[in-house]
PDB file of N, CA and C in Angstrom:
ATOM      1  N   UNK A   1     104.538  86.419  89.288  1.00  0.00           N
ATOM      2  CA  UNK A   1     105.233  85.599  88.304  1.00  0.00           C
ATOM      3  C   UNK A   1     105.107  86.272  86.937  1.00  0.00           C
ATOM      4  N   UNK A   2     106.181  86.359  86.240  1.00  0.00           N
ATOM      5  CA  UNK A   2     106.168  86.968  84.906  1.00  0.00           C
ATOM      6  C   UNK A   2     106.350  85.884  83.861  1.00  0.00           C
ATOM      7  N   UNK A   3     105.505  85.927  82.877  1.00  0.00           N
ATOM      8  CA  UNK A   3     105.639  85.014  81.738  1.00  0.00           C
ATOM      9  C   UNK A   3     105.863  85.854  80.497  1.00  0.00           C
ATOM     10  N   UNK A   4     106.533  85.293  79.531  1.00  0.00           N
ATOM     11  CA  UNK A   4     106.868  86.017  78.304  1.00  0.00           C
ATOM     12  C   UNK A   4     106.117  85.430  77.124  1.00  0.00           C
ATOM     13  N   UNK A   5     105.561  86.321  76.325  1.00  0.00           N
ATOM     14  CA  UNK A   5     104.905  85.938  75.073  1.00  0.00           C
ATOM     15  C   UNK A   5     105.379  86.874  73.970  1.00  0.00           C
ATOM     16  N   UNK A   6     105.502  86.338  72.789  1.00  0.00           N
ATOM     17  CA  UNK A   6     105.777  87.223  71.650  1.00  0.00           C
ATOM     18  C   UNK A   6     104.499  87.992  71.350  1.00  0.00           C
ATOM     19  N   UNK A   7     104.641  89.078  70.645  1.00  0.00           N
ATOM     20  CA  UNK A   7     103.472  89.884  70.314  1.00  0.00           C
ATOM     21  C   UNK A   7     102.496  89.087  69.447  1.00  0.00           C
ATOM     22  N   UNK A   8     102.998  88.197  68.611  1.00  0.00           N
ATOM     23  CA  UNK A   8     102.122  87.358  67.778  1.00  0.00           C
ATOM     24  C   UNK A   8     101.341  86.377  68.645  1.00  0.00           C
ATOM     25  N   UNK A   9     102.010  85.755  69.619  1.00  0.00           N
ATOM     26  CA  UNK A   9     101.320  84.831  70.524  1.00  0.00           C
ATOM     27  C   UNK A   9     100.284  85.580  71.354  1.00  0.00           C
ATOM     28  N   UNK A  10     100.641  86.768  71.815  1.00  0.00           N
ATOM     29  CA  UNK A  10      99.726  87.571  72.623  1.00  0.00           C
ATOM     30  C   UNK A  10      98.485  87.930  71.818  1.00  0.00           C
ATOM     31  N   UNK A  11      98.662  88.255  70.573  1.00  0.00           N
ATOM     32  CA  UNK A  11      97.522  88.599  69.713  1.00  0.00           C
ATOM     33  C   UNK A  11      96.550  87.421  69.626  1.00  0.00           C
ATOM     34  N   UNK A  12      97.079  86.222  69.484  1.00  0.00           N
ATOM     35  CA  UNK A  12      96.234  85.027  69.397  1.00  0.00           C
ATOM     36  C   UNK A  12      95.503  84.752  70.718  1.00  0.00           C
ATOM     37  N   UNK A  13      96.130  85.102  71.837  1.00  0.00           N
ATOM     38  CA  UNK A  13      95.585  84.762  73.148  1.00  0.00           C
ATOM     39  C   UNK A  13      94.866  85.927  73.844  1.00  0.00           C
ATOM     40  N   UNK A  14      94.682  87.033  73.163  1.00  0.00           N
ATOM     41  CA  UNK A  14      94.142  88.239  73.798  1.00  0.00           C
ATOM     42  C   UNK A  14      92.837  87.991  74.546  1.00  0.00           C
ATOM     43  N   UNK A  15      91.892  87.304  73.946  1.00  0.00           N
ATOM     44  CA  UNK A  15      90.586  87.135  74.589  1.00  0.00           C
ATOM     45  C   UNK A  15      90.630  86.213  75.799  1.00  0.00           C
ATOM     46  N   UNK A  16      91.641  85.386  75.916  1.00  0.00           N
ATOM     47  CA  UNK A  16      91.739  84.491  77.073  1.00  0.00           C
ATOM     48  C   UNK A  16      92.726  84.991  78.124  1.00  0.00           C
ATOM     49  N   UNK A  17      93.290  86.176  77.920  1.00  0.00           N
ATOM     50  CA  UNK A  17      94.293  86.690  78.858  1.00  0.00           C
ATOM     51  C   UNK A  17      93.773  86.884  80.279  1.00  0.00           C
ATOM     52  N   UNK A  18      92.540  87.378  80.492  1.00  0.00           N
ATOM     53  CA  UNK A  18      92.098  87.527  81.884  1.00  0.00           C
ATOM     54  C   UNK A  18      92.186  86.214  82.665  1.00  0.00           C
ATOM     55  N   UNK A  19      91.788  85.128  82.054  1.00  0.00           N
ATOM     56  CA  UNK A  19      91.867  83.826  82.722  1.00  0.00           C
ATOM     57  C   UNK A  19      93.323  83.357  82.847  1.00  0.00           C
ATOM     58  N   UNK A  20      94.129  83.687  81.878  1.00  0.00           N
ATOM     59  CA  UNK A  20      95.532  83.303  81.892  1.00  0.00           C
ATOM     60  C   UNK A  20      96.274  84.004  83.028  1.00  0.00           C
ATOM     61  N   UNK A  21      95.915  85.263  83.290  1.00  0.00           N
ATOM     62  CA  UNK A  21      96.632  86.047  84.296  1.00  0.00           C
ATOM     63  C   UNK A  21      96.274  85.660  85.719  1.00  0.00           C
ATOM     64  N   UNK A  22      95.108  85.083  85.917  1.00  0.00           N
ATOM     65  CA  UNK A  22      94.665  84.711  87.253  1.00  0.00           C
ATOM     66  C   UNK A  22      94.426  83.208  87.299  1.00  0.00           C
ATOM     67  N   UNK A  23      95.396  82.478  87.818  1.00  0.00           N
ATOM     68  CA  UNK A  23      95.208  81.036  87.940  1.00  0.00           C
ATOM     69  C   UNK A  23      95.940  80.529  89.174  1.00  0.00           C
ATOM     70  N   UNK A  24      95.389  79.505  89.769  1.00  0.00           N
ATOM     71  CA  UNK A  24      95.977  78.862  90.951  1.00  0.00           C
ATOM     72  C   UNK A  24      96.273  79.857  92.071  1.00  0.00           C
ATOM     73  N   UNK A  25      95.452  80.895  92.207  1.00  0.00           N
ATOM     74  CA  UNK A  25      95.660  81.882  93.261  1.00  0.00           C
ATOM     75  C   UNK A  25      96.842  82.800  93.031  1.00  0.00           C
ATOM     76  N   UNK A  26      97.501  82.662  91.906  1.00  0.00           N
ATOM     77  CA  UNK A  26      98.657  83.488  91.576  1.00  0.00           C
ATOM     78  C   UNK A  26      98.253  84.546  90.551  1.00  0.00           C
ATOM     79  N   UNK A  27      98.908  85.689  90.642  1.00  0.00           N
ATOM     80  CA  UNK A  27      98.682  86.748  89.654  1.00  0.00           C
ATOM     81  C   UNK A  27      99.898  86.791  88.747  1.00  0.00           C
ATOM     82  N   UNK A  28      99.664  86.633  87.478  1.00  0.00           N
ATOM     83  CA  UNK A  28     100.754  86.681  86.509  1.00  0.00           C
ATOM     84  C   UNK A  28     100.790  88.035  85.809  1.00  0.00           C
ATOM     85  N   UNK A  29     101.971  88.408  85.395  1.00  0.00           N
ATOM     86  CA  UNK A  29     102.165  89.557  84.517  1.00  0.00           C
ATOM     87  C   UNK A  29     102.755  88.990  83.239  1.00  0.00           C
ATOM     88  N   UNK A  30     102.202  89.408  82.138  1.00  0.00           N
ATOM     89  CA  UNK A  30     102.730  88.947  80.856  1.00  0.00           C
ATOM     90  C   UNK A  30     103.680  89.985  80.286  1.00  0.00           C
ATOM     91  N   UNK A  31     104.848  89.538  79.946  1.00  0.00           N
ATOM     92  CA  UNK A  31     105.824  90.380  79.255  1.00  0.00           C
ATOM     93  C   UNK A  31     105.654  90.097  77.770  1.00  0.00           C
ATOM     94  N   UNK A  32     105.272  91.103  77.024  1.00  0.00           N
ATOM     95  CA  UNK A  32     105.055  90.949  75.589  1.00  0.00           C
ATOM     96  C   UNK A  32     106.300  91.458  74.869  1.00  0.00           C
ATOM     97  N   UNK A  33     106.820  90.618  73.985  1.00  0.00           N
ATOM     98  CA  UNK A  33     108.059  90.974  73.294  1.00  0.00           C
ATOM     99  C   UNK A  33     107.832  91.143  71.802  1.00  0.00           C
ATOM    100  N   UNK A  34     108.684  91.962  71.222  1.00  0.00           N
ATOM    101  CA  UNK A  34     108.741  92.116  69.778  1.00  0.00           C
ATOM    102  C   UNK A  34     110.200  91.941  69.402  1.00  0.00           C
ATOM    103  N   UNK A  35     110.436  90.974  68.537  1.00  0.00           N
ATOM    104  CA  UNK A  35     111.814  90.644  68.128  1.00  0.00           C
ATOM    105  C   UNK A  35     112.701  90.365  69.344  1.00  0.00           C
ATOM    106  N   UNK A  36     112.096  89.705  70.347  1.00  0.00           N
ATOM    107  CA  UNK A  36     112.851  89.289  71.530  1.00  0.00           C
ATOM    108  C   UNK A  36     113.057  90.358  72.592  1.00  0.00           C
ATOM    109  N   UNK A  37     112.564  91.572  72.366  1.00  0.00           N
ATOM    110  CA  UNK A  37     112.739  92.652  73.346  1.00  0.00           C
ATOM    111  C   UNK A  37     111.388  93.015  73.961  1.00  0.00           C
ATOM    112  N   UNK A  38     111.343  93.206  75.292  1.00  0.00           N
ATOM    113  CA  UNK A  38     110.081  93.558  75.944  1.00  0.00           C
ATOM    114  C   UNK A  38     109.556  94.910  75.454  1.00  0.00           C
ATOM    115  N   UNK A  39     108.249  94.942  75.111  1.00  0.00           N
ATOM    116  CA  UNK A  39     107.634  96.186  74.652  1.00  0.00           C
ATOM    117  C   UNK A  39     106.362  96.529  75.439  1.00  0.00           C
ATOM    118  N   UNK A  40     105.750  95.541  76.083  1.00  0.00           N
ATOM    119  CA  UNK A  40     104.514  95.757  76.831  1.00  0.00           C
ATOM    120  C   UNK A  40     104.488  94.860  78.062  1.00  0.00           C
ATOM    121  N   UNK A  41     103.734  95.310  79.062  1.00  0.00           N
ATOM    122  CA  UNK A  41     103.421  94.467  80.211  1.00  0.00           C
ATOM    123  C   UNK A  41     101.904  94.421  80.310  1.00  0.00           C
ATOM    124  N   UNK A  42     101.362  93.239  80.457  1.00  0.00           N
ATOM    125  CA  UNK A  42      99.930  93.067  80.611  1.00  0.00           C
ATOM    126  C   UNK A  42      99.693  92.465  81.987  1.00  0.00           C
ATOM    127  N   UNK A  43      98.814  93.117  82.760  1.00  0.00           N
ATOM    128  CA  UNK A  43      98.548  92.657  84.121  1.00  0.00           C
ATOM    129  C   UNK A  43      97.079  92.818  84.441  1.00  0.00           C
ATOM    130  N   UNK A  44      96.593  92.111  85.471  1.00  0.00           N
ATOM    131  CA  UNK A  44      95.198  92.292  85.874  1.00  0.00           C
ATOM    132  C   UNK A  44      94.955  93.727  86.336  1.00  0.00           C
ATOM    133  N   UNK A  45      93.729  94.205  86.162  1.00  0.00           N
ATOM    134  CA  UNK A  45      93.383  95.582  86.495  1.00  0.00           C
ATOM    135  C   UNK A  45      93.679  95.899  87.953  1.00  0.00           C
ATOM    136  N   UNK A  46      93.374  94.976  88.870  1.00  0.00           N
ATOM    137  CA  UNK A  46      93.590  95.222  90.292  1.00  0.00           C
ATOM    138  C   UNK A  46      95.070  95.465  90.590  1.00  0.00           C
ATOM    139  N   UNK A  47      95.939  94.730  89.933  1.00  0.00           N
ATOM    140  CA  UNK A  47      97.376  94.924  90.120  1.00  0.00           C
ATOM    141  C   UNK A  47      97.803  96.282  89.563  1.00  0.00           C
ATOM    142  N   UNK A  48      97.270  96.647  88.411  1.00  0.00           N
ATOM    143  CA  UNK A  48      97.571  97.960  87.835  1.00  0.00           C
ATOM    144  C   UNK A  48      97.169  99.078  88.794  1.00  0.00           C
ATOM    145  N   UNK A  49      95.948  98.978  89.369  1.00  0.00           N
ATOM    146  CA  UNK A  49      95.492 100.002  90.307  1.00  0.00           C
ATOM    147  C   UNK A  49      96.407 100.088  91.522  1.00  0.00           C
ATOM    148  N   UNK A  50      96.823  98.935  92.042  1.00  0.00           N
ATOM    149  CA  UNK A  50      97.704  98.926  93.213  1.00  0.00           C
ATOM    150  C   UNK A  50      99.052  99.577  92.887  1.00  0.00           C
ATOM    151  N   UNK A  51      99.603  99.254  91.744  1.00  0.00           N
ATOM    152  CA  UNK A  51     100.880  99.842  91.329  1.00  0.00           C
ATOM    153  C   UNK A  51     100.722 101.345  91.126  1.00  0.00           C
ATOM    154  N   UNK A  52      99.642 101.747  90.492  1.00  0.00           N
ATOM    155  CA  UNK A  52      99.390 103.167  90.238  1.00  0.00           C
ATOM    156  C   UNK A  52      99.248 103.947  91.546  1.00  0.00           C
ATOM    157  N   UNK A  53      98.496 103.398  92.504  1.00  0.00           N
ATOM    158  CA  UNK A  53      98.328 104.060  93.795  1.00  0.00           C
ATOM    159  C   UNK A  53      99.657 104.156  94.544  1.00  0.00           C
ATOM    160  N   UNK A  54     100.454 103.091  94.477  1.00  0.00           N
ATOM    161  CA  UNK A  54     101.761 103.102  95.134  1.00  0.00           C
ATOM    162  C   UNK A  54     102.654 104.182  94.541  1.00  0.00           C
ATOM    163  N   UNK A  55     102.667 104.297  93.228  1.00  0.00           N
ATOM    164  CA  UNK A  55     103.473 105.332  92.581  1.00  0.00           C
ATOM    165  C   UNK A  55     102.981 106.723  92.943  1.00  0.00           C
ATOM    166  N   UNK A  56     101.666 106.872  93.076  1.00  0.00           N
ATOM    167  CA  UNK A  56     101.102 108.167  93.460  1.00  0.00           C
ATOM    168  C   UNK A  56     101.556 108.557  94.865  1.00  0.00           C
ATOM    169  N   UNK A  57     101.517 107.601  95.796  1.00  0.00           N
ATOM    170  CA  UNK A  57     101.966 107.869  97.168  1.00  0.00           C
ATOM    171  C   UNK A  57     103.455 108.200  97.177  1.00  0.00           C
ATOM    172  N   UNK A  58     104.241 107.418  96.439  1.00  0.00           N
ATOM    173  CA  UNK A  58     105.687 107.638  96.416  1.00  0.00           C
ATOM    174  C   UNK A  58     106.054 108.967  95.775  1.00  0.00           C
ATOM    175  N   UNK A  59     105.200 109.480  94.899  1.00  0.00           N
ATOM    176  CA  UNK A  59     105.460 110.760  94.246  1.00  0.00           C
ATOM    177  C   UNK A  59     105.019 111.962  95.057  1.00  0.00           C
ATOM    178  N   UNK A  60     104.296 111.732  96.156  1.00  0.00           N
ATOM    179  CA  UNK A  60     103.808 112.814  97.009  1.00  0.00           C
ATOM    180  C   UNK A  60     104.721 112.901  98.229  1.00  0.00           C
ATOM    181  N   UNK A  61     105.639 113.873  98.238  1.00  0.00           N
ATOM    182  CA  UNK A  61     106.644 113.965  99.298  1.00  0.00           C
ATOM    183  C   UNK A  61     106.026 114.130 100.677  1.00  0.00           C
ATOM    184  N   UNK A  62     104.970 114.942 100.787  1.00  0.00           N
ATOM    185  CA  UNK A  62     104.321 115.144 102.084  1.00  0.00           C
ATOM    186  C   UNK A  62     103.666 113.860 102.585  1.00  0.00           C
ATOM    187  N   UNK A  63     102.948 113.199 101.716  1.00  0.00           N
ATOM    188  CA  UNK A  63     102.274 111.961 102.105  1.00  0.00           C
ATOM    189  C   UNK A  63     103.289 110.882 102.474  1.00  0.00           C
ATOM    190  N   UNK A  64     104.364 110.785 101.722  1.00  0.00           N
ATOM    191  CA  UNK A  64     105.400 109.800 102.013  1.00  0.00           C
ATOM    192  C   UNK A  64     106.066 110.095 103.351  1.00  0.00           C
ATOM    193  N   UNK A  65     106.292 111.379 103.672  1.00  0.00           N
ATOM    194  CA  UNK A  65     106.873 111.755 104.960  1.00  0.00           C
ATOM    195  C   UNK A  65     105.925 111.376 106.097  1.00  0.00           C
ATOM    196  N   UNK A  66     104.619 111.613 105.905  1.00  0.00           N
ATOM    197  CA  UNK A  66     103.640 111.233 106.918  1.00  0.00           C
ATOM    198  C   UNK A  66     103.603 109.722 107.115  1.00  0.00           C
ATOM    199  N   UNK A  67     103.686 108.987 106.023  1.00  0.00           N
ATOM    200  CA  UNK A  67     103.696 107.532 106.097  1.00  0.00           C
ATOM    201  C   UNK A  67     104.917 107.032 106.861  1.00  0.00           C
ATOM    202  N   UNK A  68     106.075 107.584 106.556  1.00  0.00           N
ATOM    203  CA  UNK A  68     107.301 107.193 107.265  1.00  0.00           C
ATOM    204  C   UNK A  68     107.201 107.506 108.754  1.00  0.00           C
ATOM    205  N   UNK A  69     106.659 108.693 109.079  1.00  0.00           N
ATOM    206  CA  UNK A  69     106.493 109.074 110.473  1.00  0.00           C
ATOM    207  C   UNK A  69     105.534 108.109 111.174  1.00  0.00           C
ATOM    208  N   UNK A  70     104.456 107.755 110.520  1.00  0.00           N
ATOM    209  CA  UNK A  70     103.491 106.825 111.099  1.00  0.00           C
ATOM    210  C   UNK A  70     104.120 105.460 111.358  1.00  0.00           C
ATOM    211  N   UNK A  71     104.934 105.001 110.443  1.00  0.00           N
ATOM    212  CA  UNK A  71     105.613 103.711 110.621  1.00  0.00           C
ATOM    213  C   UNK A  71     106.576 103.782 111.792  1.00  0.00           C
ATOM    214  N   UNK A  72     107.308 104.885 111.917  1.00  0.00           N
ATOM    215  CA  UNK A  72     108.228 105.054 113.053  1.00  0.00           C
ATOM    216  C   UNK A  72     107.459 105.076 114.369  1.00  0.00           C
ATOM    217  N   UNK A  73     106.325 105.770 114.404  1.00  0.00           N
ATOM    218  CA  UNK A  73     105.513 105.824 115.618  1.00  0.00           C
ATOM    219  C   UNK A  73     104.970 104.445 115.971  1.00  0.00           C
ATOM    220  N   UNK A  74     104.560 103.708 114.979  1.00  0.00           N
ATOM    221  CA  UNK A  74     104.074 102.353 115.208  1.00  0.00           C
ATOM    222  C   UNK A  74     105.177 101.476 115.767  1.00  0.00           C
ATOM    223  N   UNK A  75     106.365 101.555 115.153  1.00  0.00           N
ATOM    224  CA  UNK A  75     107.512 100.753 115.612  1.00  0.00           C
ATOM    225  C   UNK A  75     107.927 101.106 117.033  1.00  0.00           C
ATOM    226  N   UNK A  76     107.766 102.380 117.415  1.00  0.00           N
ATOM    227  CA  UNK A  76     108.186 102.805 118.752  1.00  0.00           C
ATOM    228  C   UNK A  76     107.071 102.628 119.789  1.00  0.00           C
ATOM    229  N   UNK A  77     105.920 102.126 119.359  1.00  0.00           N
ATOM    230  CA  UNK A  77     104.839 101.866 120.295  1.00  0.00           C
ATOM    231  C   UNK A  77     103.939 103.048 120.573  1.00  0.00           C
ATOM    232  N   UNK A  78     104.082 104.127 119.830  1.00  0.00           N
ATOM    233  CA  UNK A  78     103.226 105.307 120.016  1.00  0.00           C
ATOM    234  C   UNK A  78     101.894 105.066 119.312  1.00  0.00           C
ATOM    235  N   UNK A  79     100.999 104.392 120.010  1.00  0.00           N
ATOM    236  CA  UNK A  79      99.705 104.074 119.437  1.00  0.00           C
ATOM    237  C   UNK A  79      98.607 104.802 120.195  1.00  0.00           C
ATOM    238  N   UNK A  80      97.526 105.096 119.503  1.00  0.00           N
ATOM    239  CA  UNK A  80      96.358 105.718 120.112  1.00  0.00           C
ATOM    240  C   UNK A  80      95.216 104.718 119.951  1.00  0.00           C
ATOM    241  N   UNK A  81      94.505 104.454 121.031  1.00  0.00           N
ATOM    242  CA  UNK A  81      93.400 103.503 120.935  1.00  0.00           C
ATOM    243  C   UNK A  81      92.306 104.075 120.043  1.00  0.00           C
ATOM    244  N   UNK A  82      91.500 103.189 119.500  1.00  0.00           N
ATOM    245  CA  UNK A  82      90.406 103.608 118.636  1.00  0.00           C
ATOM    246  C   UNK A  82      89.439 104.503 119.409  1.00  0.00           C
ATOM    247  N   UNK A  83      89.166 104.165 120.662  1.00  0.00           N
ATOM    248  CA  UNK A  83      88.264 104.971 121.487  1.00  0.00           C
ATOM    249  C   UNK A  83      88.813 106.388 121.681  1.00  0.00           C
ATOM    250  N   UNK A  84      90.109 106.494 121.982  1.00  0.00           N
ATOM    251  CA  UNK A  84      90.728 107.819 122.159  1.00  0.00           C
ATOM    252  C   UNK A  84      90.725 108.615 120.852  1.00  0.00           C
ATOM    253  N   UNK A  85      90.967 107.946 119.746  1.00  0.00           N
ATOM    254  CA  UNK A  85      90.967 108.628 118.447  1.00  0.00           C
ATOM    255  C   UNK A  85      89.578 109.173 118.132  1.00  0.00           C
ATOM    256  N   UNK A  86      88.542 108.376 118.405  1.00  0.00           N
ATOM    257  CA  UNK A  86      87.174 108.836 118.154  1.00  0.00           C
ATOM    258  C   UNK A  86      86.841 110.043 119.027  1.00  0.00           C
ATOM    259  N   UNK A  87      87.269 110.023 120.281  1.00  0.00           N
ATOM    260  CA  UNK A  87      87.022 111.170 121.177  1.00  0.00           C
ATOM    261  C   UNK A  87      87.711 112.414 120.651  1.00  0.00           C
ATOM    262  N   UNK A  88      88.971 112.243 120.247  1.00  0.00           N
ATOM    263  CA  UNK A  88      89.747 113.389 119.754  1.00  0.00           C
ATOM    264  C   UNK A  88      89.135 113.982 118.493  1.00  0.00           C
ATOM    265  N   UNK A  89      88.540 113.116 117.677  1.00  0.00           N
ATOM    266  CA  UNK A  89      87.924 113.580 116.425  1.00  0.00           C
ATOM    267  C   UNK A  89      86.464 113.998 116.622  1.00  0.00           C
ATOM    268  N   UNK A  90      85.946 113.810 117.810  1.00  0.00           N
ATOM    269  CA  UNK A  90      84.566 114.184 118.082  1.00  0.00           C
ATOM    270  C   UNK A  90      83.550 113.251 117.449  1.00  0.00           C
ATOM    271  N   UNK A  91      83.895 112.010 117.347  1.00  0.00           N
ATOM    272  CA  UNK A  91      82.974 111.024 116.733  1.00  0.00           C
ATOM    273  C   UNK A  91      82.254 110.216 117.794  1.00  0.00           C
TER     274      UNK A  91
END
């Protein structure tokens, strides 16, 4: 859920933002505006990390190709049991 605050309102509420962003089991993102135009997004750290990791994966062509291949194999039923995987890896 995205909520909008002016930069002046955000300044007043800065110290209470962590509690504001996490309530009722929902994660909010605050859109901070200046003169009615969005200039900042404020989000909980965990959400930032998740977005950052997702962008990193999407920017790595090899990793993204491997991920797509893995999803196709999963969809087609090409699964390896945990026991077989451990044997193959020598664990």
